[in-house]
Amino acid sequence: MSKCDLPLHGLTVVVDTAGPRVYIGRYDVEDDRGVLLRDVDVRDLDAVDAKPAYLARTAKFGVFKNTDHVRVPHEEITSIRRLSEISPEA
């Protein structure tokens, strides 16, 4: 299977963690080392409960890239979802 056959390849996704860190970037590939994202916003928020508001703002205004690429280890990931699934704040 090529990268282009992956359902999330090229889509902007939110990779969430149990802590205050969240990754938002273009999904590239996933392997035994983790998920590789490109054009990523790696954000350490003050608290886990700050995530919903931050994700809503990002869904509304777009991703602020601060990292070219990052591999997120599977152990850190609690969920992966498309940014388009997040409702922008009103």
Foldseek 3Di string as FASTA:
>chain_A
DDQVPDPQAQFWKWFAFPWQWIKTARWGDQDQFATKGAQIDIDRDPTNVCVLLVLLQCLVPHGDGDDGMDGDGPVGGPDMDGSPVRHHDD
